[in-house]
């Protein structure tokens, strides 16, 4: 059978069968655990990220609730309008030719309203699905947050020690990755590390490295000048 002979109805029927295997329209728990929360370098930053994600989902749920109520009202309005058209047509006491036109217009308006109702009902269903997926992600972050809190209590975002631990781990990871891959240290990363408080280990480490490189360059220049003189 050629593609031209395949009807749209049969295509949609086959698609419906396959689409019975429904994929959640959200991140997988694997992604959330390892790529969103897991990439954070400390327990505190993991909890902070959980709070950010929960706030986003709370806002989304509030918006969905408003949109859902709006669509419900829209559906009720269409139903009222549909009933109004039916009653108006039934009460028409005009000449037969005008009555035929009124009935045709009634049928047309009812078809339009039926399509609009179908779209609204589909929208309501989609909103419920979105709500379900956001709730699933929210439960994941709530459980993750509670698990992390068992390791250590949440600290304030501006807690100095928590911030120092976060930047120590985050910048150390970047430096180690660059060294392992043989990449050159970029100026921006070095400037960020040098801007840290003096008592942080990573700053002391990078300053020591810079001093060693500076000494090596100075010796190299000195040796080069000496060789030219000789």
C-alpha atoms as a PDB file:
ATOM      1  CA  UNK A   1       0.000   0.000   0.000  1.00  0.00           C
ATOM      2  CA  UNK A   2       1.428   3.394  -1.011  1.00  0.00           C
ATOM      3  CA  UNK A   3       1.673   6.349   1.333  1.00  0.00           C
ATOM      4  CA  UNK A   4      -1.089   8.102  -0.659  1.00  0.00           C
ATOM      5  CA  UNK A   5      -3.475   5.202   0.002  1.00  0.00           C
ATOM      6  CA  UNK A   6      -2.973   5.324   3.763  1.00  0.00           C
ATOM      7  CA  UNK A   7      -5.786   7.357   5.266  1.00  0.00           C
ATOM      8  CA  UNK A   8      -5.272   9.945   7.955  1.00  0.00           C
ATOM      9  CA  UNK A   9      -7.663   7.992  10.166  1.00  0.00           C
ATOM     10  CA  UNK A  10      -5.565   4.804   9.944  1.00  0.00           C
ATOM     11  CA  UNK A  11      -2.363   6.745  10.628  1.00  0.00           C
ATOM     12  CA  UNK A  12      -3.867   8.346  13.716  1.00  0.00           C
ATOM     13  CA  UNK A  13      -5.150   4.951  14.847  1.00  0.00           C
ATOM     14  CA  UNK A  14      -1.660   3.448  14.642  1.00  0.00           C
ATOM     15  CA  UNK A  15      -0.169   6.478  16.341  1.00  0.00           C
ATOM     16  CA  UNK A  16      -2.692   6.180  19.186  1.00  0.00           C
ATOM     17  CA  UNK A  17      -1.662   2.568  19.773  1.00  0.00           C
ATOM     18  CA  UNK A  18       2.008   3.499  20.037  1.00  0.00           C
ATOM     19  CA  UNK A  19       1.291   6.596  22.129  1.00  0.00           C
ATOM     20  CA  UNK A  20      -0.383   4.392  24.728  1.00  0.00           C
ATOM     21  CA  UNK A  21       3.221   4.022  25.919  1.00  0.00           C
ATOM     22  CA  UNK A  22       3.153   7.421  27.542  1.00  0.00           C
ATOM     23  CA  UNK A  23       6.389   9.152  28.535  1.00  0.00           C
ATOM     24  CA  UNK A  24       6.261  11.566  31.479  1.00  0.00           C
ATOM     25  CA  UNK A  25       6.744  15.146  30.294  1.00  0.00           C
ATOM     26  CA  UNK A  26       9.333  15.913  32.950  1.00  0.00           C
ATOM     27  CA  UNK A  27      12.966  15.183  33.817  1.00  0.00           C
ATOM     28  CA  UNK A  28      13.734  11.600  34.801  1.00  0.00           C
ATOM     29  CA  UNK A  29      14.515  11.003  38.467  1.00  0.00           C
ATOM     30  CA  UNK A  30      17.978   9.959  37.293  1.00  0.00           C
ATOM     31  CA  UNK A  31      18.521  13.402  35.728  1.00  0.00           C
ATOM     32  CA  UNK A  32      17.246  15.197  38.819  1.00  0.00           C
ATOM     33  CA  UNK A  33      19.394  13.132  41.178  1.00  0.00           C
ATOM     34  CA  UNK A  34      22.703  13.123  39.307  1.00  0.00           C
ATOM     35  CA  UNK A  35      22.707  16.112  36.943  1.00  0.00           C
ATOM     36  CA  UNK A  36      20.694  18.709  38.839  1.00  0.00           C
ATOM     37  CA  UNK A  37      21.331  17.989  42.526  1.00  0.00           C
ATOM     38  CA  UNK A  38      24.295  15.624  42.313  1.00  0.00           C
ATOM     39  CA  UNK A  39      26.518  18.080  40.467  1.00  0.00           C
ATOM     40  CA  UNK A  40      26.360  20.478  43.417  1.00  0.00           C
ATOM     41  CA  UNK A  41      29.658  20.222  45.347  1.00  0.00           C
ATOM     42  CA  UNK A  42      28.407  20.344  48.967  1.00  0.00           C
ATOM     43  CA  UNK A  43      25.441  19.150  51.005  1.00  0.00           C
ATOM     44  CA  UNK A  44      24.451  22.743  51.682  1.00  0.00           C
ATOM     45  CA  UNK A  45      24.457  23.679  48.001  1.00  0.00           C
ATOM     46  CA  UNK A  46      22.452  20.530  47.260  1.00  0.00           C
ATOM     47  CA  UNK A  47      19.815  21.674  49.769  1.00  0.00           C
ATOM     48  CA  UNK A  48      19.886  25.221  48.367  1.00  0.00           C
ATOM     49  CA  UNK A  49      19.275  23.781  44.893  1.00  0.00           C
ATOM     50  CA  UNK A  50      16.364  21.712  46.229  1.00  0.00           C
ATOM     51  CA  UNK A  51      14.844  24.901  47.636  1.00  0.00           C
ATOM     52  CA  UNK A  52      15.260  26.698  44.295  1.00  0.00           C
ATOM     53  CA  UNK A  53      13.621  23.837  42.413  1.00  0.00           C
ATOM     54  CA  UNK A  54      10.759  23.604  44.912  1.00  0.00           C
ATOM     55  CA  UNK A  55      10.116  27.351  44.610  1.00  0.00           C
ATOM     56  CA  UNK A  56       9.959  27.070  40.810  1.00  0.00           C
ATOM     57  CA  UNK A  57       7.508  24.204  41.034  1.00  0.00           C
ATOM     58  CA  UNK A  58       5.377  25.936  43.644  1.00  0.00           C
ATOM     59  CA  UNK A  59       5.066  28.936  41.301  1.00  0.00           C
ATOM     60  CA  UNK A  60       4.224  26.599  38.405  1.00  0.00           C
ATOM     61  CA  UNK A  61       1.537  24.820  40.423  1.00  0.00           C
ATOM     62  CA  UNK A  62      -0.015  28.164  41.413  1.00  0.00           C
ATOM     63  CA  UNK A  63      -0.058  29.271  37.751  1.00  0.00           C
ATOM     64  CA  UNK A  64      -1.519  25.956  36.617  1.00  0.00           C
ATOM     65  CA  UNK A  65      -4.266  26.183  39.212  1.00  0.00           C
ATOM     66  CA  UNK A  66      -5.264  29.636  37.953  1.00  0.00           C
ATOM     67  CA  UNK A  67      -5.145  28.503  34.323  1.00  0.00           C
ATOM     68  CA  UNK A  68      -7.180  25.391  35.132  1.00  0.00           C
ATOM     69  CA  UNK A  69      -9.923  27.484  36.808  1.00  0.00           C
ATOM     70  CA  UNK A  70      -9.865  29.867  33.844  1.00  0.00           C
ATOM     71  CA  UNK A  71     -10.385  26.989  31.394  1.00  0.00           C
ATOM     72  CA  UNK A  72     -13.206  25.559  33.529  1.00  0.00           C
ATOM     73  CA  UNK A  73     -15.000  28.911  33.450  1.00  0.00           C
ATOM     74  CA  UNK A  74     -14.431  29.106  29.700  1.00  0.00           C
ATOM     75  CA  UNK A  75     -16.005  25.673  29.267  1.00  0.00           C
ATOM     76  CA  UNK A  76     -19.008  26.658  31.386  1.00  0.00           C
ATOM     77  CA  UNK A  77     -19.417  29.863  29.351  1.00  0.00           C
ATOM     78  CA  UNK A  78     -19.445  27.845  26.102  1.00  0.00           C
ATOM     79  CA  UNK A  79     -22.045  25.451  27.518  1.00  0.00           C
ATOM     80  CA  UNK A  80     -24.263  28.387  28.515  1.00  0.00           C
ATOM     81  CA  UNK A  81     -23.858  29.903  25.047  1.00  0.00           C
ATOM     82  CA  UNK A  82     -24.644  26.528  23.451  1.00  0.00           C
ATOM     83  CA  UNK A  83     -27.874  26.195  25.419  1.00  0.00           C
ATOM     84  CA  UNK A  84     -28.786  29.801  24.634  1.00  0.00           C
ATOM     85  CA  UNK A  85     -28.448  29.176  20.874  1.00  0.00           C
ATOM     86  CA  UNK A  86     -30.607  26.063  21.095  1.00  0.00           C
ATOM     87  CA  UNK A  87     -33.361  27.845  22.996  1.00  0.00           C
ATOM     88  CA  UNK A  88     -33.305  30.888  20.680  1.00  0.00           C
ATOM     89  CA  UNK A  89     -33.688  28.729  17.593  1.00  0.00           C
ATOM     90  CA  UNK A  90     -36.554  26.742  19.099  1.00  0.00           C
ATOM     91  CA  UNK A  91     -38.462  29.919  19.970  1.00  0.00           C
ATOM     92  CA  UNK A  92     -38.149  31.394  16.486  1.00  0.00           C
ATOM     93  CA  UNK A  93     -41.591  32.240  15.049  1.00  0.00           C
ATOM     94  CA  UNK A  94     -40.601  33.677  11.697  1.00  0.00           C
ATOM     95  CA  UNK A  95     -41.270  32.841   8.084  1.00  0.00           C
ATOM     96  CA  UNK A  96     -40.081  29.407   6.984  1.00  0.00           C
ATOM     97  CA  UNK A  97     -37.208  30.715   4.809  1.00  0.00           C
ATOM     98  CA  UNK A  98     -35.836  32.830   7.646  1.00  0.00           C
ATOM     99  CA  UNK A  99     -36.277  29.946  10.029  1.00  0.00           C
ATOM    100  CA  UNK A 100     -34.142  27.716   7.772  1.00  0.00           C
ATOM    101  CA  UNK A 101     -31.345  30.315   7.829  1.00  0.00           C
ATOM    102  CA  UNK A 102     -31.626  30.613  11.600  1.00  0.00           C
ATOM    103  CA  UNK A 103     -31.378  26.843  11.960  1.00  0.00           C
ATOM    104  CA  UNK A 104     -28.323  26.730   9.653  1.00  0.00           C
ATOM    105  CA  UNK A 105     -26.689  29.487  11.657  1.00  0.00           C
ATOM    106  CA  UNK A 106     -27.574  27.625  14.835  1.00  0.00           C
ATOM    107  CA  UNK A 107     -25.971  24.419  13.505  1.00  0.00           C
ATOM    108  CA  UNK A 108     -22.860  26.355  12.462  1.00  0.00           C
ATOM    109  CA  UNK A 109     -22.530  28.074  15.847  1.00  0.00           C
ATOM    110  CA  UNK A 110     -23.069  24.790  17.663  1.00  0.00           C
ATOM    111  CA  UNK A 111     -20.287  23.145  15.621  1.00  0.00           C
ATOM    112  CA  UNK A 112     -17.961  26.040  16.428  1.00  0.00           C
ATOM    113  CA  UNK A 113     -18.807  25.795  20.107  1.00  0.00           C
ATOM    114  CA  UNK A 114     -18.330  22.022  20.031  1.00  0.00           C
ATOM    115  CA  UNK A 115     -14.825  22.481  18.602  1.00  0.00           C
ATOM    116  CA  UNK A 116     -14.013  25.113  21.191  1.00  0.00           C
ATOM    117  CA  UNK A 117     -15.302  22.853  23.953  1.00  0.00           C
ATOM    118  CA  UNK A 118     -13.171  19.990  22.634  1.00  0.00           C
ATOM    119  CA  UNK A 119     -10.109  22.250  22.695  1.00  0.00           C
ATOM    120  CA  UNK A 120     -10.861  23.458  26.217  1.00  0.00           C
ATOM    121  CA  UNK A 121     -11.434  19.914  27.502  1.00  0.00           C
ATOM    122  CA  UNK A 122      -8.123  18.844  25.927  1.00  0.00           C
ATOM    123  CA  UNK A 123      -6.441  21.852  27.539  1.00  0.00           C
ATOM    124  CA  UNK A 124      -7.863  20.876  30.933  1.00  0.00           C
ATOM    125  CA  UNK A 125      -6.523  17.357  30.490  1.00  0.00           C
ATOM    126  CA  UNK A 126      -3.085  18.690  29.531  1.00  0.00           C
ATOM    127  CA  UNK A 127      -3.060  20.964  32.565  1.00  0.00           C
ATOM    128  CA  UNK A 128      -3.874  18.030  34.839  1.00  0.00           C
ATOM    129  CA  UNK A 129      -0.993  16.049  33.303  1.00  0.00           C
ATOM    130  CA  UNK A 130       1.387  18.978  33.830  1.00  0.00           C
ATOM    131  CA  UNK A 131       0.202  19.302  37.414  1.00  0.00           C
ATOM    132  CA  UNK A 132       0.833  15.605  37.994  1.00  0.00           C
ATOM    133  CA  UNK A 133       4.390  15.751  36.606  1.00  0.00           C
ATOM    134  CA  UNK A 134       5.251  18.877  38.602  1.00  0.00           C
ATOM    135  CA  UNK A 135       3.902  17.217  41.731  1.00  0.00           C
ATOM    136  CA  UNK A 136       6.072  14.156  41.052  1.00  0.00           C
ATOM    137  CA  UNK A 137       9.176  16.320  40.726  1.00  0.00           C
ATOM    138  CA  UNK A 138       8.190  18.272  43.828  1.00  0.00           C
ATOM    139  CA  UNK A 139       7.890  15.079  45.864  1.00  0.00           C
ATOM    140  CA  UNK A 140      11.351  14.042  44.640  1.00  0.00           C
ATOM    141  CA  UNK A 141      12.910  17.347  45.780  1.00  0.00           C
ATOM    142  CA  UNK A 142      11.079  17.245  49.106  1.00  0.00           C
ATOM    143  CA  UNK A 143      12.369  13.739  49.814  1.00  0.00           C
ATOM    144  CA  UNK A 144      15.884  14.670  48.642  1.00  0.00           C
ATOM    145  CA  UNK A 145      15.900  17.733  50.887  1.00  0.00           C
ATOM    146  CA  UNK A 146      14.774  15.712  53.921  1.00  0.00           C
ATOM    147  CA  UNK A 147      17.469  13.094  53.242  1.00  0.00           C
ATOM    148  CA  UNK A 148      20.180  15.757  52.982  1.00  0.00           C
ATOM    149  CA  UNK A 149      19.024  17.406  56.180  1.00  0.00           C
ATOM    150  CA  UNK A 150      19.659  14.165  58.045  1.00  0.00           C
ATOM    151  CA  UNK A 151      23.360  14.559  57.174  1.00  0.00           C
ATOM    152  CA  UNK A 152      23.550  18.170  58.359  1.00  0.00           C
ATOM    153  CA  UNK A 153      20.981  20.893  59.080  1.00  0.00           C
ATOM    154  CA  UNK A 154      20.317  23.573  56.497  1.00  0.00           C
ATOM    155  CA  UNK A 155      22.399  26.714  56.926  1.00  0.00           C
ATOM    156  CA  UNK A 156      21.496  30.214  55.858  1.00  0.00           C
ATOM    157  CA  UNK A 157      22.452  30.971  52.244  1.00  0.00           C
ATOM    158  CA  UNK A 158      24.754  33.786  53.429  1.00  0.00           C
ATOM    159  CA  UNK A 159      26.453  31.668  56.098  1.00  0.00           C
ATOM    160  CA  UNK A 160      30.147  32.474  55.578  1.00  0.00           C
ATOM    161  CA  UNK A 161      31.468  28.996  56.340  1.00  0.00           C
ATOM    162  CA  UNK A 162      28.884  27.337  54.095  1.00  0.00           C
ATOM    163  CA  UNK A 163      29.767  29.716  51.253  1.00  0.00           C
ATOM    164  CA  UNK A 164      33.510  29.160  51.742  1.00  0.00           C
ATOM    165  CA  UNK A 165      33.013  25.396  51.667  1.00  0.00           C
ATOM    166  CA  UNK A 166      30.887  25.709  48.521  1.00  0.00           C
ATOM    167  CA  UNK A 167      33.401  27.835  46.599  1.00  0.00           C
ATOM    168  CA  UNK A 168      36.340  25.746  47.832  1.00  0.00           C
ATOM    169  CA  UNK A 169      34.752  22.582  46.425  1.00  0.00           C
ATOM    170  CA  UNK A 170      33.333  24.149  43.261  1.00  0.00           C
ATOM    171  CA  UNK A 171      36.545  25.894  42.203  1.00  0.00           C
ATOM    172  CA  UNK A 172      38.701  22.919  43.223  1.00  0.00           C
ATOM    173  CA  UNK A 173      36.657  20.712  40.915  1.00  0.00           C
ATOM    174  CA  UNK A 174      37.182  23.134  38.009  1.00  0.00           C
ATOM    175  CA  UNK A 175      40.918  23.365  38.647  1.00  0.00           C
ATOM    176  CA  UNK A 176      41.318  19.593  38.980  1.00  0.00           C
ATOM    177  CA  UNK A 177      39.388  18.988  35.750  1.00  0.00           C
ATOM    178  CA  UNK A 178      41.582  21.431  33.860  1.00  0.00           C
ATOM    179  CA  UNK A 179      44.730  19.822  35.218  1.00  0.00           C
ATOM    180  CA  UNK A 180      43.519  16.287  34.472  1.00  0.00           C
ATOM    181  CA  UNK A 181      42.583  17.218  30.905  1.00  0.00           C
ATOM    182  CA  UNK A 182      45.754  19.239  30.361  1.00  0.00           C
ATOM    183  CA  UNK A 183      43.790  22.445  29.768  1.00  0.00           C
ATOM    184  CA  UNK A 184      45.386  25.796  30.406  1.00  0.00           C
ATOM    185  CA  UNK A 185      44.119  27.737  33.426  1.00  0.00           C
ATOM    186  CA  UNK A 186      42.072  30.661  32.158  1.00  0.00           C
ATOM    187  CA  UNK A 187      42.509  34.150  33.603  1.00  0.00           C
ATOM    188  CA  UNK A 188      38.889  34.411  34.775  1.00  0.00           C
ATOM    189  CA  UNK A 189      39.182  31.271  36.918  1.00  0.00           C
ATOM    190  CA  UNK A 190      42.444  32.455  38.457  1.00  0.00           C
ATOM    191  CA  UNK A 191      40.970  35.895  39.183  1.00  0.00           C
ATOM    192  CA  UNK A 192      37.973  34.252  40.877  1.00  0.00           C
ATOM    193  CA  UNK A 193      40.212  32.120  43.101  1.00  0.00           C
ATOM    194  CA  UNK A 194      42.476  35.069  43.979  1.00  0.00           C
ATOM    195  CA  UNK A 195      39.388  37.081  45.026  1.00  0.00           C
ATOM    196  CA  UNK A 196      38.594  34.513  47.755  1.00  0.00           C
ATOM    197  CA  UNK A 197      39.421  35.116  51.441  1.00  0.00           C
ATOM    198  CA  UNK A 198      43.103  34.595  52.266  1.00  0.00           C
ATOM    199  CA  UNK A 199      42.505  31.687  54.655  1.00  0.00           C
ATOM    200  CA  UNK A 200      40.969  29.443  51.956  1.00  0.00           C
ATOM    201  CA  UNK A 201      43.164  26.523  50.933  1.00  0.00           C
ATOM    202  CA  UNK A 202      42.457  26.811  47.216  1.00  0.00           C
ATOM    203  CA  UNK A 203      43.637  30.448  47.158  1.00  0.00           C
ATOM    204  CA  UNK A 204      46.838  29.550  48.991  1.00  0.00           C
ATOM    205  CA  UNK A 205      47.363  26.676  46.555  1.00  0.00           C
ATOM    206  CA  UNK A 206      46.881  28.781  43.421  1.00  0.00           C
ATOM    207  CA  UNK A 207      49.065  31.612  44.749  1.00  0.00           C
ATOM    208  CA  UNK A 208      51.799  29.100  45.489  1.00  0.00           C
ATOM    209  CA  UNK A 209      51.496  27.732  41.958  1.00  0.00           C
ATOM    210  CA  UNK A 210      51.622  31.245  40.489  1.00  0.00           C
ATOM    211  CA  UNK A 211      54.713  32.084  42.532  1.00  0.00           C
ATOM    212  CA  UNK A 212      56.462  28.919  41.339  1.00  0.00           C
ATOM    213  CA  UNK A 213      55.625  29.721  37.707  1.00  0.00           C
ATOM    214  CA  UNK A 214      56.755  33.317  38.185  1.00  0.00           C
ATOM    215  CA  UNK A 215      60.102  32.104  39.584  1.00  0.00           C
ATOM    216  CA  UNK A 216      60.502  29.674  36.691  1.00  0.00           C
ATOM    217  CA  UNK A 217      59.821  32.413  34.128  1.00  0.00           C
ATOM    218  CA  UNK A 218      62.200  34.813  35.904  1.00  0.00           C
ATOM    219  CA  UNK A 219      64.953  32.167  35.936  1.00  0.00           C
ATOM    220  CA  UNK A 220      64.323  31.381  32.285  1.00  0.00           C
ATOM    221  CA  UNK A 221      64.646  35.065  31.343  1.00  0.00           C
ATOM    222  CA  UNK A 222      67.764  35.434  33.496  1.00  0.00           C
ATOM    223  CA  UNK A 223      69.318  32.369  31.896  1.00  0.00           C
ATOM    224  CA  UNK A 224      68.467  33.666  28.422  1.00  0.00           C
ATOM    225  CA  UNK A 225      70.130  37.045  29.144  1.00  0.00           C
ATOM    226  CA  UNK A 226      73.190  35.296  30.556  1.00  0.00           C
ATOM    227  CA  UNK A 227      73.546  33.102  27.447  1.00  0.00           C
ATOM    228  CA  UNK A 228      73.355  36.150  25.162  1.00  0.00           C
ATOM    229  CA  UNK A 229      76.115  37.902  27.127  1.00  0.00           C
ATOM    230  CA  UNK A 230      78.329  34.807  26.933  1.00  0.00           C
END
